[in-house]
């Protein structure tokens, strides 16, 4: 659903340029079977794309794609529905995934992705680079989340907590940003920045730690916890 996020950003840019309120994007139902996925693509995603004309589609968690889905995506980029257009890509595609062998094998399956596989950009963990993490989290707060720290929040301690929770891992940071977005609530109609208050931070901390407890392996026998 990374493409939906990109489309939403495109809609925000369009609305701001025209000094309008953003239009609500339709809720995309999760499909399980191939017919459901085809309806999802051609009835929902394609309808949004035809309206917004995005320059690129961004797929986060692209390592979860299978061969059939990636083939459909690559075919759709060449606009098979528009028979009057040449069979060349009409939009760019940005795939963001974990550097797993299965993912590299998938990208090596198709000529379009195989030719750029060796040029892939790797973002190393920021576990030891706290200065970069500080820069990234501040940028995400101001620009992606359109929020700022409240006066009742210790900003330095908060960022230290964020780094400890995610260990500077980009994928975990993405999950944290999504959780912060949910805790901050809907954006204001007057486009004023949202505020990360202590109550919001408490909600985020409780949910995050509960998730961590849910995925931690059980302690080995004989070890104290």
N, C-alpha and C. Protein backbone atom coordinates (compact mmCIF):
# COMPACT_ATOMS: atom_id res chain seq x y z
N UNK A 1 0.81 -1.21 0.00
CA UNK A 1 0.00 0.00 0.00
C UNK A 1 0.85 1.27 0.00
N UNK A 2 2.17 1.09 -0.27
CA UNK A 2 3.01 2.27 -0.35
C UNK A 2 2.56 3.22 -1.43
N UNK A 3 2.00 2.68 -2.53
CA UNK A 3 1.53 3.53 -3.62
C UNK A 3 0.39 4.43 -3.18
N UNK A 4 -0.46 3.94 -2.27
CA UNK A 4 -1.55 4.76 -1.76
C UNK A 4 -1.01 5.95 -0.98
N UNK A 5 0.06 5.70 -0.18
CA UNK A 5 0.67 6.80 0.55
C UNK A 5 1.20 7.86 -0.41
N UNK A 6 1.82 7.41 -1.48
CA UNK A 6 2.35 8.35 -2.47
C UNK A 6 1.22 9.13 -3.12
N UNK A 7 0.13 8.46 -3.46
CA UNK A 7 -1.00 9.14 -4.06
C UNK A 7 -1.59 10.17 -3.11
N UNK A 8 -1.61 9.83 -1.82
CA UNK A 8 -2.13 10.78 -0.84
C UNK A 8 -1.25 12.03 -0.78
N UNK A 9 0.08 11.84 -0.86
CA UNK A 9 0.98 12.99 -0.87
C UNK A 9 0.78 13.83 -2.13
N UNK A 10 0.55 13.18 -3.25
CA UNK A 10 0.29 13.91 -4.48
C UNK A 10 -0.98 14.74 -4.35
N UNK A 11 -1.98 14.17 -3.70
CA UNK A 11 -3.24 14.89 -3.51
C UNK A 11 -3.04 16.11 -2.61
N UNK A 12 -2.21 15.96 -1.58
CA UNK A 12 -1.92 17.09 -0.70
C UNK A 12 -1.22 18.21 -1.47
N UNK A 13 -0.26 17.83 -2.32
CA UNK A 13 0.44 18.83 -3.12
C UNK A 13 -0.52 19.55 -4.06
N UNK A 14 -1.43 18.79 -4.69
CA UNK A 14 -2.40 19.39 -5.60
C UNK A 14 -3.31 20.36 -4.85
N UNK A 15 -3.78 19.93 -3.67
CA UNK A 15 -4.70 20.76 -2.91
C UNK A 15 -4.03 22.05 -2.44
N UNK A 16 -2.79 21.93 -1.98
CA UNK A 16 -2.08 23.13 -1.51
C UNK A 16 -1.80 24.10 -2.65
N UNK A 17 -1.43 23.56 -3.81
CA UNK A 17 -1.16 24.42 -4.97
C UNK A 17 -2.40 25.17 -5.39
N UNK A 18 -3.58 24.55 -5.27
CA UNK A 18 -4.85 25.18 -5.67
C UNK A 18 -5.59 25.82 -4.51
N UNK A 19 -4.93 25.80 -3.31
CA UNK A 19 -5.53 26.36 -2.10
C UNK A 19 -6.91 25.75 -1.85
N UNK A 20 -6.95 24.42 -1.91
CA UNK A 20 -8.17 23.67 -1.65
C UNK A 20 -7.95 22.71 -0.50
N UNK A 21 -9.04 22.16 0.02
CA UNK A 21 -8.94 21.09 1.00
C UNK A 21 -8.67 19.78 0.28
N UNK A 22 -7.80 18.93 0.81
CA UNK A 22 -7.54 17.64 0.14
C UNK A 22 -8.81 16.81 0.04
N UNK A 23 -8.94 16.09 -1.07
CA UNK A 23 -10.07 15.19 -1.25
C UNK A 23 -9.79 13.89 -0.53
N UNK A 24 -10.81 13.30 0.05
CA UNK A 24 -10.64 12.03 0.75
C UNK A 24 -10.44 10.92 -0.27
N UNK A 25 -9.38 10.14 -0.07
CA UNK A 25 -9.14 9.01 -0.95
C UNK A 25 -10.00 7.84 -0.52
N UNK A 26 -10.49 7.06 -1.46
CA UNK A 26 -11.36 5.94 -1.09
C UNK A 26 -10.61 4.90 -0.30
N UNK A 27 -11.33 4.24 0.61
CA UNK A 27 -10.73 3.17 1.41
C UNK A 27 -10.47 1.96 0.51
N UNK A 28 -9.24 1.47 0.54
CA UNK A 28 -8.88 0.36 -0.31
C UNK A 28 -9.02 -0.94 0.48
N UNK A 29 -9.87 -1.79 0.03
CA UNK A 29 -10.11 -3.06 0.72
C UNK A 29 -8.96 -4.01 0.46
N UNK A 30 -8.60 -4.77 1.48
CA UNK A 30 -7.52 -5.75 1.33
C UNK A 30 -8.07 -6.98 0.61
N UNK A 31 -7.45 -7.34 -0.50
CA UNK A 31 -7.90 -8.50 -1.25
C UNK A 31 -7.05 -9.71 -0.95
N UNK A 32 -7.63 -10.89 -1.03
CA UNK A 32 -6.91 -12.13 -0.74
C UNK A 32 -6.74 -12.98 -1.98
N UNK A 33 -7.74 -12.97 -2.85
CA UNK A 33 -7.67 -13.80 -4.05
C UNK A 33 -7.23 -12.95 -5.23
N UNK A 34 -6.82 -13.61 -6.31
CA UNK A 34 -6.39 -12.86 -7.49
C UNK A 34 -7.52 -12.00 -8.07
N UNK A 35 -8.76 -12.50 -8.21
CA UNK A 35 -9.84 -11.62 -8.70
C UNK A 35 -10.05 -10.39 -7.82
N UNK A 36 -9.93 -10.58 -6.50
CA UNK A 36 -10.10 -9.43 -5.60
C UNK A 36 -8.98 -8.43 -5.80
N UNK A 37 -7.76 -8.92 -6.00
CA UNK A 37 -6.65 -8.01 -6.22
C UNK A 37 -6.80 -7.27 -7.54
N UNK A 38 -7.31 -7.95 -8.57
CA UNK A 38 -7.51 -7.30 -9.86
C UNK A 38 -8.57 -6.20 -9.74
N UNK A 39 -9.65 -6.48 -9.01
CA UNK A 39 -10.67 -5.44 -8.80
C UNK A 39 -10.09 -4.28 -8.01
N UNK A 40 -9.26 -4.60 -7.01
CA UNK A 40 -8.63 -3.55 -6.20
C UNK A 40 -7.80 -2.62 -7.07
N UNK A 41 -7.01 -3.22 -7.97
CA UNK A 41 -6.12 -2.42 -8.82
C UNK A 41 -6.90 -1.59 -9.82
N UNK A 42 -7.83 -2.21 -10.53
CA UNK A 42 -8.47 -1.53 -11.66
C UNK A 42 -9.66 -0.66 -11.25
N UNK A 43 -10.30 -0.95 -10.11
CA UNK A 43 -11.45 -0.15 -9.70
C UNK A 43 -11.05 0.95 -8.72
N UNK A 44 -10.07 0.68 -7.86
CA UNK A 44 -9.71 1.66 -6.83
C UNK A 44 -8.40 2.38 -7.15
N UNK A 45 -7.31 1.61 -7.21
CA UNK A 45 -6.00 2.23 -7.42
C UNK A 45 -5.93 2.94 -8.76
N UNK A 46 -6.39 2.29 -9.83
CA UNK A 46 -6.33 2.89 -11.15
C UNK A 46 -7.17 4.16 -11.23
N UNK A 47 -8.31 4.16 -10.55
CA UNK A 47 -9.16 5.36 -10.56
C UNK A 47 -8.45 6.54 -9.91
N UNK A 48 -7.75 6.29 -8.81
CA UNK A 48 -7.01 7.37 -8.15
C UNK A 48 -5.85 7.82 -9.03
N UNK A 49 -5.15 6.85 -9.62
CA UNK A 49 -3.99 7.18 -10.45
C UNK A 49 -4.38 8.01 -11.67
N UNK A 50 -5.52 7.68 -12.29
CA UNK A 50 -5.96 8.44 -13.46
C UNK A 50 -6.26 9.89 -13.10
N UNK A 51 -6.72 10.10 -11.85
CA UNK A 51 -7.04 11.46 -11.41
C UNK A 51 -5.80 12.25 -11.05
N UNK A 52 -4.89 11.62 -10.29
CA UNK A 52 -3.73 12.34 -9.77
C UNK A 52 -2.53 12.34 -10.70
N UNK A 53 -2.46 11.35 -11.61
CA UNK A 53 -1.33 11.24 -12.52
C UNK A 53 0.00 11.30 -11.77
N UNK A 54 0.27 10.36 -10.86
CA UNK A 54 1.51 10.42 -10.08
C UNK A 54 2.74 10.20 -10.95
N UNK A 55 3.81 10.89 -10.59
CA UNK A 55 5.07 10.72 -11.33
C UNK A 55 5.77 9.42 -10.95
N UNK A 56 5.46 8.90 -9.76
CA UNK A 56 6.11 7.67 -9.31
C UNK A 56 5.22 6.96 -8.31
N UNK A 57 5.39 5.66 -8.24
CA UNK A 57 4.72 4.84 -7.23
C UNK A 57 5.79 4.33 -6.26
N UNK A 58 5.53 4.48 -4.97
CA UNK A 58 6.47 4.04 -3.95
C UNK A 58 5.88 2.84 -3.22
N UNK A 59 6.61 1.75 -3.20
CA UNK A 59 6.18 0.55 -2.50
C UNK A 59 7.11 0.30 -1.32
N UNK A 60 6.62 0.56 -0.12
CA UNK A 60 7.36 0.19 1.07
C UNK A 60 7.12 -1.29 1.33
N UNK A 61 8.01 -1.93 2.08
CA UNK A 61 7.90 -3.38 2.34
C UNK A 61 7.83 -4.16 1.04
N UNK A 62 8.58 -3.72 0.03
CA UNK A 62 8.54 -4.38 -1.27
C UNK A 62 9.06 -5.81 -1.21
N UNK A 63 9.78 -6.15 -0.15
CA UNK A 63 10.27 -7.52 -0.01
C UNK A 63 9.13 -8.52 0.21
N UNK A 64 7.93 -8.01 0.48
CA UNK A 64 6.77 -8.88 0.66
C UNK A 64 6.06 -9.19 -0.65
N UNK A 65 6.46 -8.53 -1.74
CA UNK A 65 5.84 -8.79 -3.04
C UNK A 65 6.20 -10.19 -3.52
N UNK A 66 5.28 -10.81 -4.25
CA UNK A 66 5.62 -12.07 -4.91
C UNK A 66 5.80 -11.82 -6.40
N UNK A 67 6.20 -12.85 -7.11
CA UNK A 67 6.54 -12.71 -8.52
C UNK A 67 5.35 -12.24 -9.34
N UNK A 68 4.17 -12.80 -9.08
CA UNK A 68 2.99 -12.45 -9.87
C UNK A 68 2.58 -11.00 -9.65
N UNK A 69 2.64 -10.55 -8.39
CA UNK A 69 2.26 -9.17 -8.09
C UNK A 69 3.22 -8.18 -8.73
N UNK A 70 4.53 -8.45 -8.64
CA UNK A 70 5.51 -7.54 -9.24
C UNK A 70 5.33 -7.49 -10.75
N UNK A 71 5.00 -8.61 -11.38
CA UNK A 71 4.76 -8.62 -12.83
C UNK A 71 3.57 -7.72 -13.18
N UNK A 72 2.50 -7.79 -12.39
CA UNK A 72 1.33 -6.93 -12.62
C UNK A 72 1.69 -5.46 -12.48
N UNK A 73 2.52 -5.15 -11.48
CA UNK A 73 2.92 -3.76 -11.26
C UNK A 73 3.72 -3.24 -12.44
N UNK A 74 4.69 -4.02 -12.88
CA UNK A 74 5.54 -3.59 -14.00
C UNK A 74 4.73 -3.45 -15.29
N UNK A 75 3.77 -4.34 -15.50
CA UNK A 75 2.92 -4.23 -16.69
C UNK A 75 2.04 -2.99 -16.62
N UNK A 76 1.53 -2.70 -15.42
CA UNK A 76 0.65 -1.55 -15.27
C UNK A 76 1.42 -0.24 -15.49
N UNK A 77 2.69 -0.21 -15.15
CA UNK A 77 3.49 0.99 -15.37
C UNK A 77 3.60 1.33 -16.85
N UNK A 78 3.45 0.30 -17.70
CA UNK A 78 3.53 0.54 -19.15
C UNK A 78 2.15 0.81 -19.75
N UNK A 79 1.17 1.06 -18.87
CA UNK A 79 -0.18 1.46 -19.27
C UNK A 79 -0.82 0.53 -20.29
N UNK A 80 -1.02 -0.75 -19.96
CA UNK A 80 -1.64 -1.66 -20.93
C UNK A 80 -3.08 -1.29 -21.24
N UNK A 81 -3.73 -0.51 -20.35
CA UNK A 81 -5.12 -0.13 -20.61
C UNK A 81 -5.22 0.96 -21.68
N UNK A 82 -4.14 1.70 -21.89
CA UNK A 82 -4.17 2.81 -22.83
C UNK A 82 -3.49 2.35 -24.12
N UNK A 83 -4.27 1.78 -24.99
CA UNK A 83 -3.70 1.13 -26.16
C UNK A 83 -3.11 2.12 -27.16
N UNK A 84 -3.46 3.40 -27.05
CA UNK A 84 -2.91 4.38 -27.96
C UNK A 84 -1.52 4.85 -27.58
N UNK A 85 -1.05 4.47 -26.37
CA UNK A 85 0.26 4.91 -25.91
C UNK A 85 1.32 3.86 -26.21
N UNK A 86 2.56 4.29 -26.37
CA UNK A 86 3.64 3.32 -26.59
C UNK A 86 3.85 2.47 -25.35
N UNK A 87 4.38 1.26 -25.54
CA UNK A 87 4.59 0.35 -24.43
C UNK A 87 5.88 0.70 -23.69
N UNK A 88 5.91 1.88 -23.13
CA UNK A 88 7.03 2.30 -22.30
C UNK A 88 6.46 2.77 -20.97
N UNK A 89 7.31 2.81 -19.97
CA UNK A 89 6.85 3.17 -18.63
C UNK A 89 6.28 4.59 -18.62
N UNK A 90 5.08 4.73 -18.07
CA UNK A 90 4.44 6.03 -17.95
C UNK A 90 4.72 6.68 -16.60
N UNK A 91 5.17 5.89 -15.63
CA UNK A 91 5.50 6.38 -14.29
C UNK A 91 6.72 5.63 -13.78
N UNK A 92 7.38 6.23 -12.81
CA UNK A 92 8.52 5.57 -12.18
C UNK A 92 8.03 4.67 -11.05
N UNK A 93 8.89 3.77 -10.61
CA UNK A 93 8.57 2.90 -9.49
C UNK A 93 9.74 2.90 -8.53
N UNK A 94 9.44 3.05 -7.25
CA UNK A 94 10.47 3.02 -6.20
C UNK A 94 10.14 1.87 -5.26
N UNK A 95 11.01 0.88 -5.21
CA UNK A 95 10.81 -0.29 -4.37
C UNK A 95 11.72 -0.19 -3.15
N UNK A 96 11.12 -0.23 -1.97
CA UNK A 96 11.88 -0.17 -0.72
C UNK A 96 11.66 -1.47 0.04
N UNK A 97 12.72 -2.23 0.25
CA UNK A 97 12.57 -3.51 0.92
C UNK A 97 13.81 -3.89 1.70
N UNK A 98 13.68 -4.91 2.48
CA UNK A 98 14.81 -5.40 3.26
C UNK A 98 15.78 -6.13 2.34
N UNK A 99 17.09 -6.01 2.59
CA UNK A 99 18.08 -6.66 1.71
C UNK A 99 18.18 -8.16 1.96
N UNK A 100 17.09 -8.87 1.66
CA UNK A 100 17.06 -10.32 1.85
C UNK A 100 17.34 -11.01 0.53
N UNK A 101 17.88 -12.24 0.60
CA UNK A 101 18.22 -12.98 -0.62
C UNK A 101 16.98 -13.24 -1.46
N UNK A 102 15.86 -13.55 -0.81
CA UNK A 102 14.61 -13.80 -1.54
C UNK A 102 14.19 -12.57 -2.33
N UNK A 103 14.38 -11.39 -1.75
CA UNK A 103 14.01 -10.14 -2.40
C UNK A 103 14.92 -9.88 -3.60
N UNK A 104 16.22 -10.11 -3.43
CA UNK A 104 17.15 -9.92 -4.54
C UNK A 104 16.86 -10.89 -5.67
N UNK A 105 16.48 -12.11 -5.32
CA UNK A 105 16.12 -13.09 -6.35
C UNK A 105 14.90 -12.64 -7.13
N UNK A 106 13.91 -12.08 -6.41
CA UNK A 106 12.70 -11.58 -7.07
C UNK A 106 13.04 -10.45 -8.04
N UNK A 107 13.87 -9.51 -7.61
CA UNK A 107 14.24 -8.39 -8.48
C UNK A 107 15.05 -8.85 -9.69
N UNK A 108 15.77 -9.94 -9.54
CA UNK A 108 16.55 -10.47 -10.65
C UNK A 108 15.73 -11.22 -11.67
N UNK A 109 14.43 -11.39 -11.40
CA UNK A 109 13.56 -12.17 -12.29
C UNK A 109 13.17 -11.39 -13.54
N UNK A 110 13.02 -10.07 -13.42
CA UNK A 110 12.50 -9.25 -14.51
C UNK A 110 13.59 -8.32 -15.05
N UNK A 111 13.64 -8.14 -16.36
CA UNK A 111 14.69 -7.28 -16.95
C UNK A 111 14.66 -5.86 -16.40
N UNK A 112 13.44 -5.33 -16.16
CA UNK A 112 13.33 -3.94 -15.71
C UNK A 112 14.00 -3.72 -14.36
N UNK A 113 13.87 -4.70 -13.46
CA UNK A 113 14.46 -4.56 -12.13
C UNK A 113 15.87 -5.14 -12.08
N UNK A 114 16.15 -6.13 -12.91
CA UNK A 114 17.47 -6.76 -12.90
C UNK A 114 18.55 -5.78 -13.34
N UNK A 115 18.25 -4.90 -14.28
CA UNK A 115 19.27 -4.00 -14.80
C UNK A 115 19.72 -2.97 -13.77
N UNK A 116 18.89 -2.68 -12.77
CA UNK A 116 19.26 -1.68 -11.77
C UNK A 116 19.56 -2.30 -10.42
N UNK A 117 19.56 -3.62 -10.35
CA UNK A 117 19.74 -4.30 -9.07
C UNK A 117 21.07 -3.94 -8.43
N UNK A 118 22.14 -3.88 -9.24
CA UNK A 118 23.46 -3.57 -8.69
C UNK A 118 23.63 -2.09 -8.34
N UNK A 119 22.63 -1.27 -8.70
CA UNK A 119 22.70 0.15 -8.38
C UNK A 119 21.80 0.50 -7.20
N UNK A 120 21.28 -0.53 -6.54
CA UNK A 120 20.37 -0.29 -5.42
C UNK A 120 21.08 0.49 -4.31
N UNK A 121 20.34 1.41 -3.71
CA UNK A 121 20.89 2.23 -2.63
C UNK A 121 20.58 1.54 -1.30
N UNK A 122 21.61 1.29 -0.52
CA UNK A 122 21.44 0.66 0.78
C UNK A 122 21.54 1.72 1.88
N UNK A 123 20.55 1.73 2.75
CA UNK A 123 20.54 2.67 3.86
C UNK A 123 20.96 1.90 5.12
N UNK A 124 22.19 2.09 5.58
CA UNK A 124 22.64 1.35 6.77
C UNK A 124 21.90 1.79 8.02
N UNK A 125 21.89 0.92 8.99
CA UNK A 125 21.24 1.24 10.27
C UNK A 125 21.91 2.45 10.91
N UNK A 126 21.12 3.23 11.63
CA UNK A 126 21.63 4.39 12.35
C UNK A 126 21.85 4.07 13.82
N UNK A 127 22.11 2.79 14.11
CA UNK A 127 22.25 2.35 15.50
C UNK A 127 23.36 3.12 16.22
N UNK A 128 24.48 3.36 15.51
CA UNK A 128 25.60 4.05 16.13
C UNK A 128 25.70 5.51 15.71
N UNK A 129 24.95 5.89 14.71
CA UNK A 129 25.02 7.27 14.22
C UNK A 129 23.85 8.05 14.81
N UNK A 130 23.98 8.46 16.06
CA UNK A 130 22.89 9.16 16.73
C UNK A 130 22.66 10.54 16.14
N UNK A 131 23.72 11.16 15.61
CA UNK A 131 23.56 12.49 15.02
C UNK A 131 22.65 12.43 13.80
N UNK A 132 22.84 11.42 12.95
CA UNK A 132 21.98 11.27 11.78
C UNK A 132 20.56 10.95 12.20
N UNK A 133 20.41 10.10 13.22
CA UNK A 133 19.08 9.75 13.70
C UNK A 133 18.35 11.00 14.19
N UNK A 134 19.06 11.87 14.91
CA UNK A 134 18.46 13.11 15.39
C UNK A 134 17.97 13.94 14.22
N UNK A 135 18.79 14.08 13.17
CA UNK A 135 18.41 14.85 12.00
C UNK A 135 17.18 14.24 11.32
N UNK A 136 17.18 12.91 11.19
CA UNK A 136 16.08 12.23 10.50
C UNK A 136 14.78 12.37 11.27
N UNK A 137 14.80 12.15 12.58
CA UNK A 137 13.56 12.18 13.35
C UNK A 137 12.98 13.59 13.40
N UNK A 138 13.84 14.61 13.47
CA UNK A 138 13.35 15.99 13.44
C UNK A 138 12.71 16.29 12.09
N UNK A 139 13.35 15.84 11.00
CA UNK A 139 12.80 16.06 9.67
C UNK A 139 11.44 15.36 9.53
N UNK A 140 11.35 14.12 10.01
CA UNK A 140 10.09 13.38 9.92
C UNK A 140 8.99 14.08 10.72
N UNK A 141 9.35 14.59 11.88
CA UNK A 141 8.35 15.28 12.70
C UNK A 141 7.82 16.52 11.99
N UNK A 142 8.74 17.33 11.45
CA UNK A 142 8.33 18.61 10.87
C UNK A 142 7.63 18.45 9.52
N UNK A 143 8.13 17.55 8.69
CA UNK A 143 7.66 17.48 7.30
C UNK A 143 6.67 16.33 7.07
N UNK A 144 7.02 15.12 7.47
CA UNK A 144 6.12 13.99 7.21
C UNK A 144 4.92 13.99 8.14
N UNK A 145 5.16 14.22 9.42
CA UNK A 145 4.06 14.19 10.39
C UNK A 145 3.42 15.56 10.58
N UNK A 146 4.09 16.60 10.12
CA UNK A 146 3.58 17.98 10.28
C UNK A 146 3.21 18.21 11.73
N UNK A 147 4.20 18.01 12.60
CA UNK A 147 3.97 18.11 14.04
C UNK A 147 5.21 18.69 14.72
N UNK A 148 5.04 19.12 15.97
CA UNK A 148 6.17 19.58 16.76
C UNK A 148 6.00 19.07 18.19
N UNK A 149 7.08 19.10 18.95
CA UNK A 149 7.05 18.63 20.33
C UNK A 149 6.32 19.63 21.21
N UNK A 150 5.46 19.12 22.08
CA UNK A 150 4.74 19.98 23.00
C UNK A 150 5.64 20.46 24.13
N UNK A 151 5.18 21.48 24.84
CA UNK A 151 5.98 22.05 25.92
C UNK A 151 6.08 21.10 27.11
N UNK A 152 5.16 20.14 27.21
CA UNK A 152 5.19 19.19 28.33
C UNK A 152 6.03 17.95 28.01
N UNK A 153 6.76 17.97 26.89
CA UNK A 153 7.58 16.83 26.48
C UNK A 153 9.05 17.21 26.48
N UNK A 154 9.87 16.37 27.09
CA UNK A 154 11.32 16.55 27.06
C UNK A 154 11.81 16.03 25.71
N UNK A 155 12.10 16.93 24.79
CA UNK A 155 12.43 16.53 23.42
C UNK A 155 13.66 15.63 23.36
N UNK A 156 14.70 15.97 24.12
CA UNK A 156 15.92 15.18 24.09
C UNK A 156 15.67 13.77 24.60
N UNK A 157 14.96 13.64 25.72
CA UNK A 157 14.67 12.31 26.27
C UNK A 157 13.77 11.52 25.34
N UNK A 158 12.87 12.22 24.68
CA UNK A 158 11.94 11.57 23.74
C UNK A 158 12.71 10.96 22.57
N UNK A 159 13.64 11.72 22.00
CA UNK A 159 14.41 11.23 20.86
C UNK A 159 15.33 10.09 21.28
N UNK A 160 15.88 10.17 22.49
CA UNK A 160 16.69 9.08 23.01
C UNK A 160 15.86 7.80 23.11
N UNK A 161 14.61 7.93 23.57
CA UNK A 161 13.71 6.78 23.64
C UNK A 161 13.44 6.21 22.25
N UNK A 162 13.18 7.09 21.29
CA UNK A 162 12.89 6.63 19.93
C UNK A 162 14.08 5.84 19.37
N UNK A 163 15.27 6.33 19.65
CA UNK A 163 16.46 5.63 19.15
C UNK A 163 16.63 4.28 19.84
N UNK A 164 16.34 4.24 21.13
CA UNK A 164 16.46 2.97 21.87
C UNK A 164 15.43 1.96 21.38
N UNK A 165 14.22 2.43 21.09
CA UNK A 165 13.17 1.52 20.63
C UNK A 165 13.50 0.94 19.27
N UNK A 166 13.98 1.78 18.36
CA UNK A 166 14.18 1.34 16.97
C UNK A 166 15.59 0.87 16.68
N UNK A 167 16.56 1.20 17.57
CA UNK A 167 17.97 0.88 17.34
C UNK A 167 18.47 1.45 16.01
N UNK A 168 17.84 2.55 15.57
CA UNK A 168 18.24 3.17 14.32
C UNK A 168 17.89 2.37 13.09
N UNK A 169 17.03 1.37 13.24
CA UNK A 169 16.62 0.53 12.11
C UNK A 169 15.56 1.26 11.30
N UNK A 170 15.79 1.39 9.99
CA UNK A 170 14.87 2.16 9.14
C UNK A 170 13.47 1.57 9.12
N UNK A 171 13.37 0.24 9.06
CA UNK A 171 12.05 -0.38 9.01
C UNK A 171 11.29 -0.12 10.30
N UNK A 172 11.96 -0.26 11.45
CA UNK A 172 11.30 0.02 12.73
C UNK A 172 10.96 1.49 12.86
N UNK A 173 11.81 2.36 12.30
CA UNK A 173 11.51 3.79 12.34
C UNK A 173 10.24 4.09 11.54
N UNK A 174 10.08 3.41 10.41
CA UNK A 174 8.86 3.58 9.61
C UNK A 174 7.64 3.17 10.41
N UNK A 175 7.74 2.06 11.16
CA UNK A 175 6.64 1.61 12.00
C UNK A 175 6.34 2.62 13.11
N UNK A 176 7.39 3.20 13.66
CA UNK A 176 7.22 4.19 14.72
C UNK A 176 6.52 5.43 14.19
N UNK A 177 6.91 5.89 13.01
CA UNK A 177 6.28 7.08 12.42
C UNK A 177 4.79 6.83 12.17
N UNK A 178 4.45 5.63 11.70
CA UNK A 178 3.04 5.31 11.49
C UNK A 178 2.27 5.35 12.81
N UNK A 179 2.90 4.85 13.88
CA UNK A 179 2.25 4.86 15.18
C UNK A 179 2.10 6.29 15.71
N UNK A 180 3.12 7.11 15.51
CA UNK A 180 3.03 8.51 15.92
C UNK A 180 1.91 9.22 15.16
N UNK A 181 1.80 8.94 13.88
CA UNK A 181 0.76 9.56 13.06
C UNK A 181 -0.63 9.21 13.60
N UNK A 182 -0.79 7.94 14.00
CA UNK A 182 -2.07 7.52 14.55
C UNK A 182 -2.34 8.20 15.89
N UNK A 183 -1.30 8.30 16.73
CA UNK A 183 -1.48 8.93 18.04
C UNK A 183 -1.76 10.42 17.94
N UNK A 184 -1.17 11.09 16.95
CA UNK A 184 -1.38 12.53 16.79
C UNK A 184 -2.77 12.87 16.30
N UNK A 185 -3.45 11.90 15.70
CA UNK A 185 -4.81 12.14 15.22
C UNK A 185 -4.84 12.81 13.86
N UNK A 186 -6.05 13.09 13.35
CA UNK A 186 -6.19 13.68 12.01
C UNK A 186 -5.58 15.08 11.94
N UNK A 187 -5.15 15.44 10.75
CA UNK A 187 -4.59 16.77 10.55
C UNK A 187 -5.68 17.83 10.68
N UNK A 188 -5.29 18.99 11.13
CA UNK A 188 -6.23 20.07 11.36
C UNK A 188 -6.68 20.70 10.05
N UNK A 189 -7.90 21.16 10.04
CA UNK A 189 -8.45 21.76 8.82
C UNK A 189 -7.70 23.02 8.42
N UNK A 190 -7.16 23.75 9.41
CA UNK A 190 -6.43 24.99 9.11
C UNK A 190 -4.97 24.73 8.79
N UNK A 191 -4.58 23.44 8.69
CA UNK A 191 -3.22 23.03 8.34
C UNK A 191 -2.20 23.43 9.39
N UNK A 192 -2.65 23.71 10.61
CA UNK A 192 -1.70 24.01 11.69
C UNK A 192 -1.00 22.73 12.12
N UNK A 193 0.24 22.83 12.56
CA UNK A 193 0.97 21.63 12.99
C UNK A 193 0.28 20.93 14.16
N UNK A 194 0.36 19.61 14.15
CA UNK A 194 -0.13 18.83 15.29
C UNK A 194 0.92 18.88 16.40
N UNK A 195 0.52 18.52 17.62
CA UNK A 195 1.41 18.65 18.77
C UNK A 195 1.61 17.28 19.41
N UNK A 196 2.88 16.91 19.58
CA UNK A 196 3.21 15.67 20.28
C UNK A 196 3.25 15.98 21.77
N UNK A 197 2.13 15.77 22.43
CA UNK A 197 2.01 16.04 23.86
C UNK A 197 2.44 14.81 24.66
N UNK A 198 2.50 14.98 25.96
CA UNK A 198 2.88 13.88 26.83
C UNK A 198 1.86 12.75 26.77
N UNK A 199 0.58 13.09 26.62
CA UNK A 199 -0.45 12.06 26.54
C UNK A 199 -0.31 11.25 25.24
N UNK A 200 0.01 11.94 24.14
CA UNK A 200 0.24 11.22 22.88
C UNK A 200 1.46 10.32 23.01
N UNK A 201 2.53 10.84 23.61
CA UNK A 201 3.75 10.06 23.79
C UNK A 201 3.50 8.84 24.67
N UNK A 202 2.67 8.99 25.69
CA UNK A 202 2.34 7.86 26.56
C UNK A 202 1.61 6.77 25.79
N UNK A 203 0.67 7.18 24.93
CA UNK A 203 -0.05 6.22 24.09
C UNK A 203 0.91 5.48 23.17
N UNK A 204 1.80 6.24 22.51
CA UNK A 204 2.75 5.63 21.59
C UNK A 204 3.67 4.67 22.33
N UNK A 205 4.16 5.10 23.50
CA UNK A 205 5.06 4.24 24.28
C UNK A 205 4.37 2.95 24.69
N UNK A 206 3.14 3.03 25.16
CA UNK A 206 2.43 1.83 25.62
C UNK A 206 2.19 0.85 24.47
N UNK A 207 1.76 1.37 23.32
CA UNK A 207 1.51 0.50 22.18
C UNK A 207 2.81 -0.12 21.68
N UNK A 208 3.86 0.68 21.60
CA UNK A 208 5.14 0.17 21.10
C UNK A 208 5.70 -0.93 22.00
N UNK A 209 5.70 -0.68 23.30
CA UNK A 209 6.25 -1.67 24.23
C UNK A 209 5.39 -2.93 24.26
N UNK A 210 4.09 -2.78 24.10
CA UNK A 210 3.21 -3.95 24.06
C UNK A 210 3.52 -4.78 22.82
N UNK A 211 3.77 -4.12 21.70
CA UNK A 211 4.15 -4.85 20.49
C UNK A 211 5.46 -5.60 20.69
N UNK A 212 6.41 -4.94 21.34
CA UNK A 212 7.70 -5.58 21.57
C UNK A 212 7.57 -6.81 22.45
N UNK A 213 6.74 -6.72 23.47
CA UNK A 213 6.53 -7.88 24.34
C UNK A 213 5.88 -9.02 23.59
N UNK A 214 5.05 -8.67 22.59
CA UNK A 214 4.33 -9.70 21.83
C UNK A 214 5.26 -10.49 20.92
N UNK A 215 6.37 -9.87 20.48
CA UNK A 215 7.24 -10.55 19.53
C UNK A 215 8.52 -11.07 20.15
N UNK A 216 8.78 -10.74 21.44
CA UNK A 216 9.99 -11.24 22.08
C UNK A 216 9.89 -12.75 22.28
N UNK A 217 10.97 -13.49 22.04
CA UNK A 217 10.95 -14.94 22.26
C UNK A 217 10.87 -15.25 23.75
N UNK A 218 10.31 -16.39 24.12
CA UNK A 218 10.25 -16.76 25.55
C UNK A 218 11.66 -16.95 26.10
N UNK A 219 11.88 -16.66 27.38
CA UNK A 219 13.22 -16.81 27.96
C UNK A 219 13.62 -18.28 27.99
N UNK A 220 14.94 -18.51 27.83
CA UNK A 220 15.42 -19.88 27.87
C UNK A 220 15.29 -20.43 29.28
N UNK A 221 15.10 -21.71 29.37
CA UNK A 221 14.91 -22.35 30.66
C UNK A 221 16.14 -22.15 31.53
N UNK A 222 15.92 -21.74 32.76
CA UNK A 222 17.03 -21.53 33.70
C UNK A 222 17.52 -20.10 33.73
N UNK A 223 17.07 -19.24 32.79
CA UNK A 223 17.48 -17.84 32.77
C UNK A 223 16.48 -17.01 33.53
N UNK A 224 16.96 -16.06 34.26
CA UNK A 224 16.08 -15.15 34.98
C UNK A 224 15.62 -14.05 34.04
N UNK A 225 14.44 -13.51 34.32
CA UNK A 225 13.91 -12.41 33.50
C UNK A 225 13.68 -11.20 34.38
